[in-house]
Amino acid sequence: MPTIVVDVMPKPAVLDPQGKAIDARLPELGFREFSQVRQGKRFELTVEGEVTAEVLDRAKALAAELLANPSTEYVANVEVAK
């Protein structure tokens, strides 16, 4: 069965304490080439049947209405898993 992956991220103006905590550790762990970390959420939706354009549109609607909090988050990506 195919899977649709939905990525939800905090809006840029929203504080991201988990991302900041990871970001603070990067230099001491030797990862100096990265300058900022934002932590989001990933959802996997198993599809019964074929993923059509209509099913993908329904997944986008589900993501916007249920998976992301519109006051603090946005849906960054909705795609069929590879």
PDB file of N, CA and C in Angstrom:
ATOM      1  N   MET A   1       0.840  -1.182   0.000  1.00  0.00           N
ATOM      2  CA  MET A   1       0.000   0.000   0.000  1.00  0.00           C
ATOM      3  C   MET A   1       0.883   1.242   0.000  1.00  0.00           C
ATOM      4  N   PRO A   2       0.548   2.227  -0.822  1.00  0.00           N
ATOM      5  CA  PRO A   2       1.351   3.444  -0.879  1.00  0.00           C
ATOM      6  C   PRO A   2       1.179   4.307   0.375  1.00  0.00           C
ATOM      7  N   THR A   3       2.155   5.170   0.576  1.00  0.00           N
ATOM      8  CA  THR A   3       2.156   6.069   1.732  1.00  0.00           C
ATOM      9  C   THR A   3       2.345   7.505   1.255  1.00  0.00           C
ATOM     10  N   ILE A   4       1.572   8.396   1.830  1.00  0.00           N
ATOM     11  CA  ILE A   4       1.761   9.831   1.604  1.00  0.00           C
ATOM     12  C   ILE A   4       2.415  10.402   2.847  1.00  0.00           C
ATOM     13  N   VAL A   5       3.473  11.184   2.642  1.00  0.00           N
ATOM     14  CA  VAL A   5       4.208  11.807   3.741  1.00  0.00           C
ATOM     15  C   VAL A   5       3.832  13.279   3.811  1.00  0.00           C
ATOM     16  N   VAL A   6       3.513  13.732   5.023  1.00  0.00           N
ATOM     17  CA  VAL A   6       3.167  15.131   5.273  1.00  0.00           C
ATOM     18  C   VAL A   6       4.186  15.692   6.266  1.00  0.00           C
ATOM     19  N   ASP A   7       4.833  16.785   5.884  1.00  0.00           N
ATOM     20  CA  ASP A   7       5.774  17.470   6.772  1.00  0.00           C
ATOM     21  C   ASP A   7       5.148  18.781   7.233  1.00  0.00           C
ATOM     22  N   VAL A   8       5.127  18.990   8.539  1.00  0.00           N
ATOM     23  CA  VAL A   8       4.578  20.201   9.145  1.00  0.00           C
ATOM     24  C   VAL A   8       5.710  20.882   9.905  1.00  0.00           C
ATOM     25  N   MET A   9       5.846  22.190   9.702  1.00  0.00           N
ATOM     26  CA  MET A   9       6.917  22.945  10.348  1.00  0.00           C
ATOM     27  C   MET A   9       6.350  24.122  11.126  1.00  0.00           C
ATOM     28  N   PRO A  10       7.078  24.558  12.168  1.00  0.00           N
ATOM     29  CA  PRO A  10       6.641  25.774  12.860  1.00  0.00           C
ATOM     30  C   PRO A  10       6.827  26.983  11.939  1.00  0.00           C
ATOM     31  N   LYS A  11       5.925  27.940  12.031  1.00  0.00           N
ATOM     32  CA  LYS A  11       6.065  29.163  11.240  1.00  0.00           C
ATOM     33  C   LYS A  11       7.361  29.865  11.628  1.00  0.00           C
ATOM     34  N   PRO A  12       7.979  30.595  10.694  1.00  0.00           N
ATOM     35  CA  PRO A  12       9.267  31.250  10.991  1.00  0.00           C
ATOM     36  C   PRO A  12       9.245  32.159  12.217  1.00  0.00           C
ATOM     37  N   ALA A  13       8.128  32.820  12.480  1.00  0.00           N
ATOM     38  CA  ALA A  13       8.056  33.748  13.621  1.00  0.00           C
ATOM     39  C   ALA A  13       7.844  33.037  14.954  1.00  0.00           C
ATOM     40  N   VAL A  14       7.566  31.737  14.918  1.00  0.00           N
ATOM     41  CA  VAL A  14       7.289  30.980  16.138  1.00  0.00           C
ATOM     42  C   VAL A  14       8.601  30.440  16.717  1.00  0.00           C
ATOM     43  N   LEU A  15       8.761  30.588  18.024  1.00  0.00           N
ATOM     44  CA  LEU A  15       9.944  30.039  18.683  1.00  0.00           C
ATOM     45  C   LEU A  15       9.953  28.524  18.553  1.00  0.00           C
ATOM     46  N   ASP A  16      11.142  27.962  18.375  1.00  0.00           N
ATOM     47  CA  ASP A  16      11.310  26.520  18.216  1.00  0.00           C
ATOM     48  C   ASP A  16      12.355  26.053  19.230  1.00  0.00           C
ATOM     49  N   PRO A  17      11.961  25.807  20.487  1.00  0.00           N
ATOM     50  CA  PRO A  17      12.939  25.461  21.524  1.00  0.00           C
ATOM     51  C   PRO A  17      13.695  24.166  21.237  1.00  0.00           C
ATOM     52  N   GLN A  18      13.050  23.187  20.622  1.00  0.00           N
ATOM     53  CA  GLN A  18      13.753  21.938  20.311  1.00  0.00           C
ATOM     54  C   GLN A  18      14.816  22.187  19.242  1.00  0.00           C
ATOM     55  N   GLY A  19      14.451  22.964  18.230  1.00  0.00           N
ATOM     56  CA  GLY A  19      15.423  23.312  17.197  1.00  0.00           C
ATOM     57  C   GLY A  19      16.585  24.111  17.767  1.00  0.00           C
ATOM     58  N   LYS A  20      16.282  25.046  18.664  1.00  0.00           N
ATOM     59  CA  LYS A  20      17.347  25.850  19.298  1.00  0.00           C
ATOM     60  C   LYS A  20      18.288  24.978  20.124  1.00  0.00           C
ATOM     61  N   ALA A  21      17.740  24.002  20.832  1.00  0.00           N
ATOM     62  CA  ALA A  21      18.578  23.105  21.642  1.00  0.00           C
ATOM     63  C   ALA A  21      19.519  22.296  20.756  1.00  0.00           C
ATOM     64  N   ILE A  22      19.009  21.808  19.647  1.00  0.00           N
ATOM     65  CA  ILE A  22      19.859  21.062  18.708  1.00  0.00           C
ATOM     66  C   ILE A  22      20.898  21.993  18.109  1.00  0.00           C
ATOM     67  N   ASP A  23      20.451  23.183  17.710  1.00  0.00           N
ATOM     68  CA  ASP A  23      21.333  24.181  17.105  1.00  0.00           C
ATOM     69  C   ASP A  23      22.505  24.521  18.016  1.00  0.00           C
ATOM     70  N   ALA A  24      22.241  24.637  19.308  1.00  0.00           N
ATOM     71  CA  ALA A  24      23.289  24.991  20.268  1.00  0.00           C
ATOM     72  C   ALA A  24      24.370  23.924  20.373  1.00  0.00           C
ATOM     73  N   ARG A  25      24.014  22.682  20.105  1.00  0.00           N
ATOM     74  CA  ARG A  25      24.976  21.575  20.232  1.00  0.00           C
ATOM     75  C   ARG A  25      25.819  21.353  18.979  1.00  0.00           C
ATOM     76  N   LEU A  26      25.388  21.885  17.843  1.00  0.00           N
ATOM     77  CA  LEU A  26      26.083  21.611  16.589  1.00  0.00           C
ATOM     78  C   LEU A  26      27.580  21.906  16.625  1.00  0.00           C
ATOM     79  N   PRO A  27      28.018  23.113  17.040  1.00  0.00           N
ATOM     80  CA  PRO A  27      29.453  23.407  17.018  1.00  0.00           C
ATOM     81  C   PRO A  27      30.274  22.469  17.902  1.00  0.00           C
ATOM     82  N   GLU A  28      29.769  22.166  19.088  1.00  0.00           N
ATOM     83  CA  GLU A  28      30.557  21.308  19.979  1.00  0.00           C
ATOM     84  C   GLU A  28      30.627  19.868  19.478  1.00  0.00           C
ATOM     85  N   LEU A  29      29.716  19.486  18.597  1.00  0.00           N
ATOM     86  CA  LEU A  29      29.760  18.147  17.998  1.00  0.00           C
ATOM     87  C   LEU A  29      30.491  18.140  16.663  1.00  0.00           C
ATOM     88  N   GLY A  30      31.020  19.308  16.264  1.00  0.00           N
ATOM     89  CA  GLY A  30      31.817  19.395  15.046  1.00  0.00           C
ATOM     90  C   GLY A  30      31.034  19.692  13.780  1.00  0.00           C
ATOM     91  N   PHE A  31      29.771  20.043  13.900  1.00  0.00           N
ATOM     92  CA  PHE A  31      28.944  20.344  12.730  1.00  0.00           C
ATOM     93  C   PHE A  31      28.861  21.859  12.542  1.00  0.00           C
ATOM     94  N   ARG A  32      29.958  22.467  12.146  1.00  0.00           N
ATOM     95  CA  ARG A  32      30.024  23.921  12.033  1.00  0.00           C
ATOM     96  C   ARG A  32      29.480  24.447  10.698  1.00  0.00           C
ATOM     97  N   GLU A  33      29.219  23.558   9.764  1.00  0.00           N
ATOM     98  CA  GLU A  33      28.725  23.999   8.448  1.00  0.00           C
ATOM     99  C   GLU A  33      27.220  24.277   8.446  1.00  0.00           C
ATOM    100  N   PHE A  34      26.543  23.965   9.560  1.00  0.00           N
ATOM    101  CA  PHE A  34      25.102  24.212   9.659  1.00  0.00           C
ATOM    102  C   PHE A  34      24.862  25.382  10.606  1.00  0.00           C
ATOM    103  N   SER A  35      23.945  26.272  10.208  1.00  0.00           N
ATOM    104  CA  SER A  35      23.769  27.486  11.002  1.00  0.00           C
ATOM    105  C   SER A  35      22.438  27.568  11.736  1.00  0.00           C
ATOM    106  N   GLN A  36      21.464  26.755  11.360  1.00  0.00           N
ATOM    107  CA  GLN A  36      20.169  26.851  12.033  1.00  0.00           C
ATOM    108  C   GLN A  36      19.415  25.536  11.881  1.00  0.00           C
ATOM    109  N   VAL A  37      18.719  25.149  12.935  1.00  0.00           N
ATOM    110  CA  VAL A  37      17.895  23.939  12.914  1.00  0.00           C
ATOM    111  C   VAL A  37      16.476  24.318  13.299  1.00  0.00           C
ATOM    112  N   ARG A  38      15.514  23.815  12.540  1.00  0.00           N
ATOM    113  CA  ARG A  38      14.097  23.943  12.876  1.00  0.00           C
ATOM    114  C   ARG A  38      13.557  22.525  12.940  1.00  0.00           C
ATOM    115  N   GLN A  39      12.837  22.201  13.968  1.00  0.00           N
ATOM    116  CA  GLN A  39      12.283  20.859  14.111  1.00  0.00           C
ATOM    117  C   GLN A  39      10.798  20.886  13.823  1.00  0.00           C
ATOM    118  N   GLY A  40      10.370  19.963  12.978  1.00  0.00           N
ATOM    119  CA  GLY A  40       8.965  19.868  12.620  1.00  0.00           C
ATOM    120  C   GLY A  40       8.405  18.497  12.951  1.00  0.00           C
ATOM    121  N   LYS A  41       7.304  18.174  12.275  1.00  0.00           N
ATOM    122  CA  LYS A  41       6.645  16.885  12.482  1.00  0.00           C
ATOM    123  C   LYS A  41       6.464  16.208  11.126  1.00  0.00           C
ATOM    124  N   ARG A  42       6.508  14.889  11.132  1.00  0.00           N
ATOM    125  CA  ARG A  42       6.276  14.097   9.925  1.00  0.00           C
ATOM    126  C   ARG A  42       5.114  13.150  10.203  1.00  0.00           C
ATOM    127  N   PHE A  43       4.188  13.105   9.261  1.00  0.00           N
ATOM    128  CA  PHE A  43       3.054  12.188   9.336  1.00  0.00           C
ATOM    129  C   PHE A  43       3.107  11.276   8.120  1.00  0.00           C
ATOM    130  N   GLU A  44       2.760  10.016   8.308  1.00  0.00           N
ATOM    131  CA  GLU A  44       2.681   9.071   7.205  1.00  0.00           C
ATOM    132  C   GLU A  44       1.246   8.565   7.106  1.00  0.00           C
ATOM    133  N   LEU A  45       0.639   8.757   5.951  1.00  0.00           N
ATOM    134  CA  LEU A  45      -0.735   8.354   5.706  1.00  0.00           C
ATOM    135  C   LEU A  45      -0.729   7.154   4.750  1.00  0.00           C
ATOM    136  N   THR A  46      -1.176   6.006   5.202  1.00  0.00           N
ATOM    137  CA  THR A  46      -1.264   4.823   4.347  1.00  0.00           C
ATOM    138  C   THR A  46      -2.532   4.938   3.506  1.00  0.00           C
ATOM    139  N   VAL A  47      -2.391   4.706   2.218  1.00  0.00           N
ATOM    140  CA  VAL A  47      -3.503   4.872   1.281  1.00  0.00           C
ATOM    141  C   VAL A  47      -4.057   3.513   0.885  1.00  0.00           C
ATOM    142  N   GLU A  48      -5.363   3.398   0.983  1.00  0.00           N
ATOM    143  CA  GLU A  48      -6.051   2.201   0.504  1.00  0.00           C
ATOM    144  C   GLU A  48      -6.277   2.390  -0.992  1.00  0.00           C
ATOM    145  N   GLY A  49      -5.549   1.682  -1.806  1.00  0.00           N
ATOM    146  CA  GLY A  49      -5.692   1.821  -3.257  1.00  0.00           C
ATOM    147  C   GLY A  49      -4.613   2.709  -3.842  1.00  0.00           C
ATOM    148  N   GLU A  50      -4.897   3.234  -5.019  1.00  0.00           N
ATOM    149  CA  GLU A  50      -3.947   4.032  -5.783  1.00  0.00           C
ATOM    150  C   GLU A  50      -3.945   5.480  -5.318  1.00  0.00           C
ATOM    151  N   VAL A  51      -2.769   6.118  -5.390  1.00  0.00           N
ATOM    152  CA  VAL A  51      -2.674   7.541  -5.074  1.00  0.00           C
ATOM    153  C   VAL A  51      -2.936   8.322  -6.355  1.00  0.00           C
ATOM    154  N   THR A  52      -4.122   8.866  -6.455  1.00  0.00           N
ATOM    155  CA  THR A  52      -4.490   9.699  -7.595  1.00  0.00           C
ATOM    156  C   THR A  52      -4.315  11.163  -7.215  1.00  0.00           C
ATOM    157  N   ALA A  53      -4.496  12.040  -8.176  1.00  0.00           N
ATOM    158  CA  ALA A  53      -4.429  13.477  -7.889  1.00  0.00           C
ATOM    159  C   ALA A  53      -5.480  13.866  -6.859  1.00  0.00           C
ATOM    160  N   GLU A  54      -6.653  13.245  -6.941  1.00  0.00           N
ATOM    161  CA  GLU A  54      -7.723  13.534  -5.986  1.00  0.00           C
ATOM    162  C   GLU A  54      -7.338  13.088  -4.569  1.00  0.00           C
ATOM    163  N   VAL A  55      -6.725  11.918  -4.460  1.00  0.00           N
ATOM    164  CA  VAL A  55      -6.293  11.422  -3.142  1.00  0.00           C
ATOM    165  C   VAL A  55      -5.218  12.344  -2.567  1.00  0.00           C
ATOM    166  N   LEU A  56      -4.299  12.786  -3.401  1.00  0.00           N
ATOM    167  CA  LEU A  56      -3.249  13.696  -2.937  1.00  0.00           C
ATOM    168  C   LEU A  56      -3.859  15.033  -2.492  1.00  0.00           C
ATOM    169  N   ASP A  57      -4.846  15.522  -3.233  1.00  0.00           N
ATOM    170  CA  ASP A  57      -5.542  16.749  -2.821  1.00  0.00           C
ATOM    171  C   ASP A  57      -6.253  16.560  -1.483  1.00  0.00           C
ATOM    172  N   ARG A  58      -6.853  15.398  -1.276  1.00  0.00           N
ATOM    173  CA  ARG A  58      -7.520  15.094  -0.007  1.00  0.00           C
ATOM    174  C   ARG A  58      -6.498  15.061   1.142  1.00  0.00           C
ATOM    175  N   ALA A  59      -5.314  14.519   0.874  1.00  0.00           N
ATOM    176  CA  ALA A  59      -4.261  14.490   1.892  1.00  0.00           C
ATOM    177  C   ALA A  59      -3.825  15.912   2.247  1.00  0.00           C
ATOM    178  N   LYS A  60      -3.739  16.778   1.249  1.00  0.00           N
ATOM    179  CA  LYS A  60      -3.379  18.180   1.506  1.00  0.00           C
ATOM    180  C   LYS A  60      -4.452  18.863   2.354  1.00  0.00           C
ATOM    181  N   ALA A  61      -5.715  18.577   2.060  1.00  0.00           N
ATOM    182  CA  ALA A  61      -6.806  19.149   2.852  1.00  0.00           C
ATOM    183  C   ALA A  61      -6.753  18.635   4.287  1.00  0.00           C
ATOM    184  N   LEU A  62      -6.521  17.343   4.447  1.00  0.00           N
ATOM    185  CA  LEU A  62      -6.403  16.747   5.784  1.00  0.00           C
ATOM    186  C   LEU A  62      -5.266  17.402   6.555  1.00  0.00           C
ATOM    187  N   ALA A  63      -4.132  17.590   5.880  1.00  0.00           N
ATOM    188  CA  ALA A  63      -2.967  18.190   6.528  1.00  0.00           C
ATOM    189  C   ALA A  63      -3.289  19.604   7.006  1.00  0.00           C
ATOM    190  N   ALA A  64      -3.939  20.386   6.151  1.00  0.00           N
ATOM    191  CA  ALA A  64      -4.250  21.771   6.500  1.00  0.00           C
ATOM    192  C   ALA A  64      -5.295  21.868   7.602  1.00  0.00           C
ATOM    193  N   GLU A  65      -6.264  20.967   7.597  1.00  0.00           N
ATOM    194  CA  GLU A  65      -7.367  21.050   8.553  1.00  0.00           C
ATOM    195  C   GLU A  65      -7.089  20.355   9.885  1.00  0.00           C
ATOM    196  N   LEU A  66      -6.260  19.322   9.875  1.00  0.00           N
ATOM    197  CA  LEU A  66      -6.118  18.505  11.073  1.00  0.00           C
ATOM    198  C   LEU A  66      -4.683  18.364  11.589  1.00  0.00           C
ATOM    199  N   LEU A  67      -3.720  18.259  10.689  1.00  0.00           N
ATOM    200  CA  LEU A  67      -2.360  17.930  11.123  1.00  0.00           C
ATOM    201  C   LEU A  67      -1.521  19.137  11.515  1.00  0.00           C
ATOM    202  N   ALA A  68      -1.842  20.309  10.960  1.00  0.00           N
ATOM    203  CA  ALA A  68      -1.087  21.521  11.286  1.00  0.00           C
ATOM    204  C   ALA A  68      -1.977  22.483  12.070  1.00  0.00           C
ATOM    205  N   ASN A  69      -1.401  23.090  13.090  1.00  0.00           N
ATOM    206  CA  ASN A  69      -2.090  24.142  13.833  1.00  0.00           C
ATOM    207  C   ASN A  69      -1.849  25.444  13.070  1.00  0.00           C
ATOM    208  N   PRO A  70      -2.852  25.998  12.400  1.00  0.00           N
ATOM    209  CA  PRO A  70      -2.631  27.150  11.530  1.00  0.00           C
ATOM    210  C   PRO A  70      -2.107  28.403  12.228  1.00  0.00           C
ATOM    211  N   SER A  71      -2.256  28.491  13.528  1.00  0.00           N
ATOM    212  CA  SER A  71      -1.744  29.685  14.216  1.00  0.00           C
ATOM    213  C   SER A  71      -0.235  29.618  14.442  1.00  0.00           C
ATOM    214  N   THR A  72       0.332  28.405  14.466  1.00  0.00           N
ATOM    215  CA  THR A  72       1.770  28.287  14.756  1.00  0.00           C
ATOM    216  C   THR A  72       2.546  27.456  13.743  1.00  0.00           C
ATOM    217  N   GLU A  73       1.852  26.743  12.845  1.00  0.00           N
ATOM    218  CA  GLU A  73       2.535  25.829  11.928  1.00  0.00           C
ATOM    219  C   GLU A  73       2.024  26.001  10.495  1.00  0.00           C
ATOM    220  N   TYR A  74       2.799  25.453   9.573  1.00  0.00           N
ATOM    221  CA  TYR A  74       2.362  25.403   8.181  1.00  0.00           C
ATOM    222  C   TYR A  74       2.711  24.032   7.610  1.00  0.00           C
ATOM    223  N   VAL A  75       1.981  23.630   6.585  1.00  0.00           N
ATOM    224  CA  VAL A  75       2.255  22.368   5.907  1.00  0.00           C
ATOM    225  C   VAL A  75       3.376  22.634   4.905  1.00  0.00           C
ATOM    226  N   ALA A  76       4.536  22.054   5.142  1.00  0.00           N
ATOM    227  CA  ALA A  76       5.697  22.302   4.309  1.00  0.00           C
ATOM    228  C   ALA A  76       5.716  21.426   3.064  1.00  0.00           C
ATOM    229  N   ASN A  77       5.176  20.210   3.169  1.00  0.00           N
ATOM    230  CA  ASN A  77       5.279  19.288   2.051  1.00  0.00           C
ATOM    231  C   ASN A  77       4.249  18.167   2.195  1.00  0.00           C
ATOM    232  N   VAL A  78       3.678  17.771   1.070  1.00  0.00           N
ATOM    233  CA  VAL A  78       2.799  16.607   1.001  1.00  0.00           C
ATOM    234  C   VAL A  78       3.184  15.864  -0.265  1.00  0.00           C
ATOM    235  N   GLU A  79       3.672  14.632  -0.116  1.00  0.00           N
ATOM    236  CA  GLU A  79       4.107  13.885  -1.299  1.00  0.00           C
ATOM    237  C   GLU A  79       3.998  12.393  -1.058  1.00  0.00           C
ATOM    238  N   VAL A  80       3.993  11.644  -2.138  1.00  0.00           N
ATOM    239  CA  VAL A  80       3.986  10.182  -2.057  1.00  0.00           C
ATOM    240  C   VAL A  80       5.382   9.741  -1.658  1.00  0.00           C
ATOM    241  N   ALA A  81       5.478   8.856  -0.669  1.00  0.00           N
ATOM    242  CA  ALA A  81       6.781   8.355  -0.194  1.00  0.00           C
ATOM    243  C   ALA A  81       7.478   7.619  -1.324  1.00  0.00           C
ATOM    244  N   LYS A  82       8.769   7.755  -1.366  1.00  0.00           N
ATOM    245  CA  LYS A  82       9.577   7.094  -2.404  1.00  0.00           C
ATOM    246  C   LYS A  82      10.134   5.793  -1.903  1.00  0.00           C
TER     247      LYS A  82
END
